[in-house]
N, C-alpha and C. Protein backbone atom coordinates (compact mmCIF):
# COMPACT_ATOMS: atom_id res chain seq x y z
N MET A 1 -100.85 -25.70 -9.23
CA MET A 1 -99.47 -25.37 -8.76
C MET A 1 -98.95 -24.33 -9.79
N PHE A 2 -98.53 -23.18 -9.36
CA PHE A 2 -98.13 -22.23 -10.19
C PHE A 2 -96.53 -22.50 -10.78
N GLY A 3 -96.10 -23.43 -10.52
CA GLY A 3 -94.64 -23.57 -10.76
C GLY A 3 -94.26 -24.20 -12.19
N ASN A 4 -95.52 -24.54 -12.90
CA ASN A 4 -95.48 -24.75 -14.15
C ASN A 4 -96.13 -23.97 -15.19
N LYS A 5 -96.70 -22.79 -14.78
CA LYS A 5 -97.37 -21.89 -15.74
C LYS A 5 -96.36 -21.23 -16.55
N LEU A 6 -96.79 -21.05 -17.75
CA LEU A 6 -95.89 -20.18 -18.79
C LEU A 6 -95.81 -19.03 -18.46
N THR A 7 -96.87 -18.24 -18.00
CA THR A 7 -96.81 -16.74 -17.83
C THR A 7 -97.10 -16.49 -16.24
N HIS A 8 -96.36 -15.82 -15.55
CA HIS A 8 -96.48 -15.47 -14.10
C HIS A 8 -95.60 -14.51 -13.91
N ASP A 9 -95.99 -13.57 -13.06
CA ASP A 9 -95.03 -12.64 -12.57
C ASP A 9 -94.65 -13.04 -11.24
N TRP A 10 -93.35 -13.54 -11.39
CA TRP A 10 -92.74 -14.12 -10.12
C TRP A 10 -92.15 -13.19 -9.14
N SER A 11 -92.20 -13.29 -7.78
CA SER A 11 -91.77 -12.57 -6.90
C SER A 11 -90.60 -13.36 -6.34
N LYS A 12 -89.65 -12.42 -5.65
CA LYS A 12 -88.54 -13.30 -5.13
C LYS A 12 -89.11 -14.16 -4.04
N GLU A 13 -90.19 -13.84 -3.18
CA GLU A 13 -90.71 -14.71 -1.97
C GLU A 13 -91.22 -16.09 -2.69
N GLU A 14 -92.03 -16.06 -3.89
CA GLU A 14 -92.32 -17.16 -4.49
C GLU A 14 -91.14 -18.09 -4.84
N CYS A 15 -90.17 -17.65 -5.66
CA CYS A 15 -89.10 -18.23 -5.91
C CYS A 15 -88.27 -19.00 -4.83
N LYS A 16 -88.28 -18.13 -3.84
CA LYS A 16 -87.33 -18.66 -2.49
C LYS A 16 -88.16 -19.91 -1.94
N LYS A 17 -89.55 -19.75 -1.85
CA LYS A 17 -90.37 -20.70 -1.15
C LYS A 17 -90.28 -22.06 -1.98
N LEU A 18 -90.31 -21.94 -3.22
CA LEU A 18 -90.05 -23.08 -4.23
C LEU A 18 -88.65 -23.66 -4.12
N ALA A 19 -87.71 -22.87 -4.12
CA ALA A 19 -86.17 -23.32 -3.90
C ALA A 19 -85.97 -23.94 -2.65
N LEU A 20 -86.67 -23.57 -1.58
CA LEU A 20 -86.48 -24.24 -0.26
C LEU A 20 -86.95 -25.57 -0.19
N LYS A 21 -87.79 -26.04 -1.22
CA LYS A 21 -88.37 -27.41 -1.41
C LYS A 21 -87.36 -28.36 -2.11
N CYS A 22 -86.19 -27.75 -2.61
CA CYS A 22 -85.10 -28.50 -3.31
C CYS A 22 -83.71 -28.39 -2.47
N LYS A 23 -83.25 -29.49 -2.64
CA LYS A 23 -81.89 -29.63 -2.06
C LYS A 23 -80.78 -29.23 -2.96
N TYR A 24 -80.90 -29.43 -4.30
CA TYR A 24 -79.93 -28.98 -5.22
C TYR A 24 -80.51 -28.00 -6.28
N ARG A 25 -79.63 -27.32 -6.73
CA ARG A 25 -80.01 -26.41 -7.94
C ARG A 25 -80.67 -27.05 -9.26
N THR A 26 -80.07 -28.36 -9.40
CA THR A 26 -80.73 -29.10 -10.46
C THR A 26 -81.96 -29.54 -10.13
N ASP A 27 -82.14 -29.78 -8.89
CA ASP A 27 -83.78 -30.10 -8.61
C ASP A 27 -84.62 -28.92 -8.82
N PHE A 28 -84.18 -27.82 -8.36
CA PHE A 28 -85.16 -26.63 -8.57
C PHE A 28 -85.21 -26.26 -10.00
N TYR A 29 -84.22 -26.39 -10.82
CA TYR A 29 -84.48 -26.38 -12.27
C TYR A 29 -85.49 -27.26 -13.03
N ILE A 30 -85.30 -28.59 -12.50
CA ILE A 30 -86.13 -29.59 -12.97
C ILE A 30 -87.58 -29.37 -12.62
N LYS A 31 -87.82 -29.25 -11.19
CA LYS A 31 -89.21 -29.12 -10.67
C LYS A 31 -89.76 -27.86 -11.01
N TYR A 32 -89.07 -26.73 -10.80
CA TYR A 32 -89.78 -25.38 -11.02
C TYR A 32 -88.79 -24.34 -12.06
N PRO A 33 -88.88 -24.86 -13.27
CA PRO A 33 -88.14 -24.39 -14.25
C PRO A 33 -88.44 -22.85 -14.38
N ASN A 34 -89.70 -22.38 -14.24
CA ASN A 34 -90.03 -20.92 -14.37
C ASN A 34 -89.65 -20.20 -13.28
N ALA A 35 -89.63 -20.79 -12.02
CA ALA A 35 -89.30 -20.00 -10.83
C ALA A 35 -87.67 -19.89 -11.08
N TYR A 36 -87.10 -20.95 -11.29
CA TYR A 36 -85.57 -21.07 -11.48
C TYR A 36 -85.09 -19.89 -12.36
N ASN A 37 -85.50 -20.03 -13.79
CA ASN A 37 -85.38 -18.96 -14.74
C ASN A 37 -85.80 -17.40 -14.11
N ALA A 38 -86.88 -17.30 -13.46
CA ALA A 38 -87.23 -15.97 -12.99
C ALA A 38 -86.27 -15.44 -11.97
N ALA A 39 -85.63 -16.28 -11.10
CA ALA A 39 -84.59 -16.01 -10.18
C ALA A 39 -83.30 -15.73 -10.81
N ARG A 40 -82.86 -16.17 -11.96
CA ARG A 40 -81.79 -15.87 -12.70
C ARG A 40 -81.89 -14.50 -13.27
N ARG A 41 -83.15 -14.42 -14.02
CA ARG A 41 -83.35 -13.28 -14.98
C ARG A 41 -83.47 -11.89 -13.86
N ASN A 42 -84.13 -12.01 -12.82
CA ASN A 42 -84.14 -11.05 -11.70
C ASN A 42 -82.94 -10.80 -10.77
N GLY A 43 -82.05 -11.50 -11.11
CA GLY A 43 -80.69 -11.56 -9.97
C GLY A 43 -80.84 -12.00 -8.76
N TRP A 44 -81.85 -12.90 -8.38
CA TRP A 44 -82.24 -13.42 -7.06
C TRP A 44 -81.44 -14.98 -6.97
N PHE A 45 -80.84 -15.35 -7.97
CA PHE A 45 -80.69 -16.66 -7.85
C PHE A 45 -79.80 -17.24 -6.80
N ASP A 46 -78.71 -16.51 -6.51
CA ASP A 46 -77.77 -16.74 -5.52
C ASP A 46 -78.33 -16.84 -4.11
N GLU A 47 -79.38 -15.77 -4.14
CA GLU A 47 -79.94 -15.67 -2.75
C GLU A 47 -80.98 -16.72 -2.31
N VAL A 48 -81.68 -16.96 -3.43
CA VAL A 48 -82.65 -18.04 -3.22
C VAL A 48 -82.32 -19.42 -3.12
N THR A 49 -81.04 -19.60 -3.59
CA THR A 49 -80.44 -20.95 -3.52
C THR A 49 -79.31 -21.05 -2.72
N LYS A 50 -79.06 -20.09 -1.92
CA LYS A 50 -77.81 -20.03 -0.89
C LYS A 50 -77.75 -21.41 0.03
N HIS A 51 -78.91 -21.86 0.45
CA HIS A 51 -79.21 -23.14 1.10
C HIS A 51 -78.52 -24.53 0.48
N MET A 52 -78.33 -24.45 -0.78
CA MET A 52 -78.02 -25.55 -1.66
C MET A 52 -76.64 -25.74 -1.85
N PRO A 53 -76.22 -27.07 -1.33
CA PRO A 53 -74.82 -27.26 -1.54
C PRO A 53 -74.46 -27.43 -3.08
N GLU A 54 -73.11 -27.41 -3.48
CA GLU A 54 -72.88 -27.68 -4.63
C GLU A 54 -73.08 -29.28 -5.18
N GLN A 55 -73.27 -29.49 -6.34
CA GLN A 55 -73.71 -30.81 -6.79
C GLN A 55 -72.95 -31.11 -8.10
N LYS A 56 -72.63 -32.68 -8.21
CA LYS A 56 -71.98 -32.75 -9.34
C LYS A 56 -73.10 -32.82 -10.49
N GLY A 57 -72.72 -32.36 -11.56
CA GLY A 57 -73.70 -32.04 -12.70
C GLY A 57 -74.20 -30.56 -12.77
N GLU A 58 -73.82 -29.76 -11.56
CA GLU A 58 -74.27 -28.36 -11.56
C GLU A 58 -73.42 -27.65 -12.70
N PHE A 59 -74.12 -26.58 -13.12
CA PHE A 59 -73.61 -25.97 -14.34
C PHE A 59 -72.11 -25.47 -13.97
N ASP A 60 -71.26 -25.54 -14.82
CA ASP A 60 -69.92 -25.21 -14.51
C ASP A 60 -69.38 -24.49 -15.74
N GLU A 61 -69.18 -23.24 -15.61
CA GLU A 61 -68.57 -22.45 -16.84
C GLU A 61 -67.36 -22.97 -17.48
N LYS A 62 -66.60 -23.45 -16.76
CA LYS A 62 -65.30 -24.03 -17.27
C LYS A 62 -65.21 -25.12 -18.26
N TYR A 63 -66.34 -25.98 -18.26
CA TYR A 63 -66.28 -27.12 -18.92
C TYR A 63 -67.24 -26.93 -20.11
N THR A 64 -66.94 -27.69 -21.19
CA THR A 64 -67.46 -27.51 -22.62
C THR A 64 -68.00 -28.98 -23.02
N ASP A 65 -68.92 -29.55 -22.00
CA ASP A 65 -69.32 -31.05 -22.32
C ASP A 65 -70.88 -30.88 -22.33
N TYR A 66 -71.40 -29.78 -22.42
CA TYR A 66 -72.87 -29.63 -22.37
C TYR A 66 -73.45 -29.82 -23.91
N CYS A 67 -74.92 -30.33 -23.86
CA CYS A 67 -75.46 -30.19 -25.07
C CYS A 67 -76.76 -29.81 -24.73
N VAL A 68 -77.38 -29.49 -26.09
CA VAL A 68 -79.02 -29.06 -25.98
C VAL A 68 -79.75 -30.32 -27.01
N TYR A 69 -80.54 -30.76 -26.30
CA TYR A 69 -81.43 -32.01 -27.05
C TYR A 69 -82.68 -31.75 -26.87
N VAL A 70 -83.45 -32.47 -27.78
CA VAL A 70 -84.94 -32.36 -27.92
C VAL A 70 -85.49 -33.70 -27.87
N TYR A 71 -86.58 -33.85 -27.67
CA TYR A 71 -87.64 -35.00 -27.87
C TYR A 71 -88.77 -34.65 -28.61
N GLU A 72 -88.99 -34.83 -29.85
CA GLU A 72 -90.06 -34.50 -30.74
C GLU A 72 -91.12 -35.66 -30.65
N GLU A 73 -92.02 -35.39 -30.36
CA GLU A 73 -93.14 -36.33 -30.26
C GLU A 73 -94.26 -35.99 -31.53
N LEU A 74 -93.96 -36.45 -32.86
CA LEU A 74 -94.48 -36.10 -33.95
C LEU A 74 -96.06 -36.46 -34.09
N ASN A 75 -96.49 -37.38 -33.47
CA ASN A 75 -97.94 -37.59 -33.59
C ASN A 75 -98.83 -36.51 -32.85
N THR A 76 -98.37 -35.81 -31.85
CA THR A 76 -99.08 -34.82 -31.22
C THR A 76 -98.24 -33.49 -31.26
N HIS A 77 -97.32 -33.46 -32.16
CA HIS A 77 -96.74 -32.23 -32.57
C HIS A 77 -96.29 -31.53 -31.07
N ALA A 78 -95.58 -32.37 -30.35
CA ALA A 78 -95.15 -31.66 -28.93
C ALA A 78 -93.76 -32.13 -28.85
N VAL A 79 -93.10 -31.18 -28.00
CA VAL A 79 -91.55 -31.06 -27.89
C VAL A 79 -91.11 -30.90 -26.40
N TYR A 80 -90.08 -31.57 -26.29
CA TYR A 80 -89.34 -31.29 -24.88
C TYR A 80 -87.98 -30.90 -25.15
N VAL A 81 -87.31 -29.51 -24.97
CA VAL A 81 -86.35 -28.92 -24.98
C VAL A 81 -85.46 -28.93 -23.78
N GLY A 82 -84.23 -29.42 -23.82
CA GLY A 82 -83.32 -29.63 -22.48
C GLY A 82 -81.92 -29.37 -22.76
N LEU A 83 -81.26 -29.38 -21.65
CA LEU A 83 -79.67 -29.11 -21.81
C LEU A 83 -79.16 -30.29 -20.63
N THR A 84 -77.97 -30.82 -20.94
CA THR A 84 -77.37 -31.64 -19.78
C THR A 84 -75.88 -31.65 -20.12
N ASN A 85 -75.35 -32.20 -19.28
CA ASN A 85 -73.80 -32.60 -19.40
C ASN A 85 -73.58 -34.07 -19.45
N ASN A 86 -74.59 -34.84 -19.47
CA ASN A 86 -74.57 -36.32 -19.66
C ASN A 86 -75.82 -36.94 -20.39
N ILE A 87 -75.80 -36.94 -21.50
CA ILE A 87 -76.96 -37.19 -22.20
C ILE A 87 -77.58 -38.50 -21.79
N SER A 88 -76.77 -39.49 -21.75
CA SER A 88 -77.10 -40.98 -21.49
C SER A 88 -77.79 -40.92 -20.09
N ARG A 89 -77.43 -40.21 -19.20
CA ARG A 89 -77.93 -40.24 -17.73
C ARG A 89 -79.29 -39.49 -17.99
N ARG A 90 -79.35 -38.38 -18.56
CA ARG A 90 -80.51 -37.59 -18.75
C ARG A 90 -81.53 -38.36 -19.48
N ASP A 91 -81.37 -38.98 -20.41
CA ASP A 91 -82.23 -39.83 -21.09
C ASP A 91 -82.84 -40.73 -20.34
N LYS A 92 -81.98 -41.50 -19.37
CA LYS A 92 -82.70 -42.59 -18.36
C LYS A 92 -83.55 -41.75 -17.47
N ASP A 93 -82.90 -40.53 -17.05
CA ASP A 93 -83.85 -39.79 -16.06
C ASP A 93 -85.15 -39.43 -16.47
N HIS A 94 -85.38 -39.32 -17.93
CA HIS A 94 -86.79 -38.93 -18.58
C HIS A 94 -87.53 -40.24 -18.54
N ARG A 95 -86.97 -41.24 -18.78
CA ARG A 95 -87.70 -42.63 -19.11
C ARG A 95 -88.15 -43.31 -17.53
N LYS A 96 -87.35 -42.99 -16.42
CA LYS A 96 -87.91 -43.75 -15.23
C LYS A 96 -88.16 -42.96 -13.98
N PRO A 97 -89.12 -43.31 -13.49
CA PRO A 97 -89.58 -42.37 -12.43
C PRO A 97 -88.57 -42.35 -11.16
N THR A 98 -88.64 -41.21 -10.43
CA THR A 98 -87.86 -40.96 -9.33
C THR A 98 -88.82 -41.05 -8.12
N SER A 99 -88.09 -40.70 -7.13
CA SER A 99 -89.14 -40.78 -5.90
C SER A 99 -90.15 -39.66 -5.84
N ASP A 100 -89.97 -38.64 -6.69
CA ASP A 100 -90.98 -37.53 -6.94
C ASP A 100 -91.88 -38.17 -7.97
N GLY A 101 -91.70 -39.32 -8.75
CA GLY A 101 -92.56 -39.74 -9.75
C GLY A 101 -91.98 -39.38 -11.12
N TYR A 102 -92.68 -39.38 -12.03
CA TYR A 102 -92.23 -39.18 -13.54
C TYR A 102 -92.10 -37.61 -13.76
N ASP A 103 -91.06 -37.40 -14.74
CA ASP A 103 -90.90 -35.94 -15.24
C ASP A 103 -91.82 -35.53 -16.17
N SER A 104 -91.73 -34.18 -16.67
CA SER A 104 -92.87 -33.61 -17.56
C SER A 104 -92.93 -34.44 -18.83
N LEU A 105 -91.83 -34.97 -19.26
CA LEU A 105 -91.74 -35.42 -20.65
C LEU A 105 -92.43 -37.06 -20.49
N ALA A 106 -92.13 -37.62 -19.53
CA ALA A 106 -92.77 -39.03 -19.26
C ALA A 106 -94.43 -38.87 -18.97
N LEU A 107 -94.54 -37.89 -18.09
CA LEU A 107 -96.17 -37.79 -17.73
C LEU A 107 -96.77 -37.51 -19.09
N TYR A 108 -96.32 -36.47 -19.87
CA TYR A 108 -96.76 -36.01 -21.22
C TYR A 108 -97.17 -37.23 -21.94
N CYS A 109 -95.96 -38.18 -22.23
CA CYS A 109 -96.21 -39.30 -23.00
C CYS A 109 -97.23 -40.26 -22.53
N ILE A 110 -97.27 -40.55 -21.20
CA ILE A 110 -98.23 -41.35 -20.68
C ILE A 110 -99.59 -40.80 -20.66
N GLU A 111 -100.04 -39.66 -20.45
CA GLU A 111 -101.16 -38.88 -20.57
C GLU A 111 -101.65 -39.20 -22.27
N ASN A 112 -100.81 -39.03 -22.93
CA ASN A 112 -101.24 -38.99 -24.49
C ASN A 112 -100.99 -40.43 -25.10
N ASN A 113 -100.51 -41.40 -24.25
CA ASN A 113 -100.55 -42.78 -24.86
C ASN A 113 -99.75 -42.86 -26.01
N VAL A 114 -98.54 -42.16 -25.80
CA VAL A 114 -97.51 -42.32 -26.79
C VAL A 114 -96.09 -42.71 -26.20
N ASP A 115 -95.21 -43.12 -26.99
CA ASP A 115 -93.89 -43.69 -26.48
C ASP A 115 -93.09 -42.47 -26.42
N ILE A 116 -92.05 -42.64 -25.50
CA ILE A 116 -91.03 -41.36 -25.39
C ILE A 116 -90.30 -41.43 -26.62
N PRO A 117 -90.18 -40.39 -27.18
CA PRO A 117 -89.49 -40.33 -28.49
C PRO A 117 -87.82 -40.49 -28.25
N LYS A 118 -87.14 -40.77 -29.36
CA LYS A 118 -85.68 -40.72 -29.26
C LYS A 118 -85.17 -39.43 -29.14
N VAL A 119 -84.17 -39.29 -28.37
CA VAL A 119 -83.56 -38.14 -27.97
C VAL A 119 -82.81 -37.56 -29.32
N GLU A 120 -82.87 -36.31 -29.70
CA GLU A 120 -82.18 -35.78 -30.69
C GLU A 120 -81.22 -34.64 -30.14
N ILE A 121 -79.92 -34.84 -30.42
CA ILE A 121 -78.91 -33.80 -29.83
C ILE A 121 -79.08 -32.71 -30.95
N LYS A 122 -79.39 -31.56 -30.42
CA LYS A 122 -79.15 -30.29 -31.44
C LYS A 122 -77.82 -29.66 -31.59
N ARG A 123 -77.10 -29.55 -30.56
CA ARG A 123 -75.70 -28.93 -30.65
C ARG A 123 -75.22 -29.60 -29.34
N ASP A 124 -73.78 -30.01 -29.25
CA ASP A 124 -73.03 -30.42 -28.42
C ASP A 124 -71.71 -29.80 -28.11
N ASN A 125 -70.75 -30.25 -27.38
CA ASN A 125 -69.55 -29.59 -27.17
C ASN A 125 -69.67 -28.15 -26.64
N LEU A 126 -70.60 -27.81 -25.80
CA LEU A 126 -70.89 -26.50 -25.46
C LEU A 126 -70.52 -25.93 -24.12
N ASP A 127 -70.09 -24.90 -23.89
CA ASP A 127 -70.07 -24.42 -22.54
C ASP A 127 -71.45 -24.16 -21.88
N SER A 128 -71.64 -23.86 -20.57
CA SER A 128 -72.92 -23.95 -19.99
C SER A 128 -73.58 -22.57 -20.30
N THR A 129 -72.84 -21.49 -20.51
CA THR A 129 -73.51 -20.31 -20.94
C THR A 129 -74.20 -20.42 -22.26
N THR A 130 -73.57 -20.89 -23.30
CA THR A 130 -73.79 -21.03 -24.70
C THR A 130 -74.96 -22.01 -24.86
N ALA A 131 -74.98 -23.06 -23.82
CA ALA A 131 -75.84 -24.28 -23.79
C ALA A 131 -77.36 -23.66 -23.38
N ARG A 132 -77.23 -22.71 -22.40
CA ARG A 132 -78.48 -22.29 -21.68
C ARG A 132 -79.11 -21.28 -22.74
N ARG A 133 -78.24 -20.55 -23.31
CA ARG A 133 -78.72 -19.55 -24.34
C ARG A 133 -79.44 -20.28 -25.63
N LEU A 134 -78.77 -21.36 -26.00
CA LEU A 134 -79.19 -22.17 -27.25
C LEU A 134 -80.60 -23.01 -26.55
N GLU A 135 -80.66 -23.46 -25.45
CA GLU A 135 -81.78 -24.00 -24.98
C GLU A 135 -82.96 -23.29 -25.13
N PHE A 136 -82.79 -21.80 -24.63
CA PHE A 136 -84.00 -20.88 -24.85
C PHE A 136 -84.16 -20.75 -26.08
N LYS A 137 -83.19 -20.59 -27.05
CA LYS A 137 -83.41 -20.45 -28.45
C LYS A 137 -84.27 -21.28 -29.04
N TYR A 138 -83.88 -22.59 -28.86
CA TYR A 138 -84.63 -23.78 -29.47
C TYR A 138 -85.98 -23.91 -28.98
N TRP A 139 -86.12 -23.61 -27.56
CA TRP A 139 -87.50 -23.69 -26.93
C TRP A 139 -88.51 -22.79 -27.66
N TYR A 140 -87.96 -21.42 -27.83
CA TYR A 140 -88.77 -20.50 -28.39
C TYR A 140 -89.02 -20.52 -29.85
N GLU A 141 -87.99 -21.23 -30.49
CA GLU A 141 -88.23 -21.54 -32.09
C GLU A 141 -89.20 -22.58 -32.09
N TYR A 142 -89.27 -23.50 -31.42
CA TYR A 142 -90.35 -24.64 -31.19
C TYR A 142 -91.69 -24.04 -31.04
N ARG A 143 -91.88 -23.29 -29.83
CA ARG A 143 -92.90 -22.64 -29.46
C ARG A 143 -93.61 -21.98 -30.87
N ASP A 144 -92.67 -21.00 -31.29
CA ASP A 144 -93.17 -19.92 -32.42
C ASP A 144 -93.65 -20.82 -33.65
N ALA A 145 -93.16 -22.08 -33.75
CA ALA A 145 -93.36 -22.69 -35.04
C ALA A 145 -94.82 -23.56 -34.72
N GLY A 146 -95.44 -23.33 -33.56
CA GLY A 146 -96.66 -24.01 -33.07
C GLY A 146 -96.66 -25.46 -32.52
N TRP A 147 -95.49 -25.82 -32.13
CA TRP A 147 -95.20 -26.98 -31.26
C TRP A 147 -95.77 -26.78 -29.91
N THR A 148 -96.52 -27.87 -29.46
CA THR A 148 -96.82 -27.85 -27.84
C THR A 148 -95.61 -28.13 -27.10
N MET A 149 -95.60 -27.15 -26.29
CA MET A 149 -94.15 -27.29 -25.45
C MET A 149 -94.35 -28.20 -24.15
N ILE A 150 -93.71 -29.39 -24.03
CA ILE A 150 -93.82 -30.08 -22.95
C ILE A 150 -93.34 -29.63 -21.54
N ASN A 151 -92.10 -29.17 -21.77
CA ASN A 151 -91.50 -28.51 -20.46
C ASN A 151 -91.60 -26.92 -20.75
N SER A 152 -91.69 -26.38 -19.62
CA SER A 152 -91.79 -24.81 -19.48
C SER A 152 -90.53 -24.15 -19.85
N GLU A 153 -90.58 -22.90 -20.20
CA GLU A 153 -89.27 -22.11 -20.49
C GLU A 153 -88.50 -21.84 -19.41
């Protein structure tokens, strides 16, 4: 599955094909983060997600209730970096399977026989633009410091 590769030259068609498998933008972000980010970087996002209705929890520029969070698994020196506007809901999402199965954090912990670590909020009370920027900043800082990245950029 090319949706989780860290390096890939994404085409608009590949991004659209994966986006069509998702009902909401947040699903697209969670299931195919690299395709999601490529569509944003290349200016295709609105086009490849035009079939998706608005959803509660969608990034909204006018709110400042977003936070950037991490799960640091110290035994394996691995980390998951994310952002949300509801940390308690998101923490539950990471810990319980959905109809699609477990997410990448839970799968990593299961495969490595470790408990899901306690969530740490890095920054909160952020608008969505700042939160996205800081999520990438922290992701790259951890990667560059030699951590194993559980989730894709």
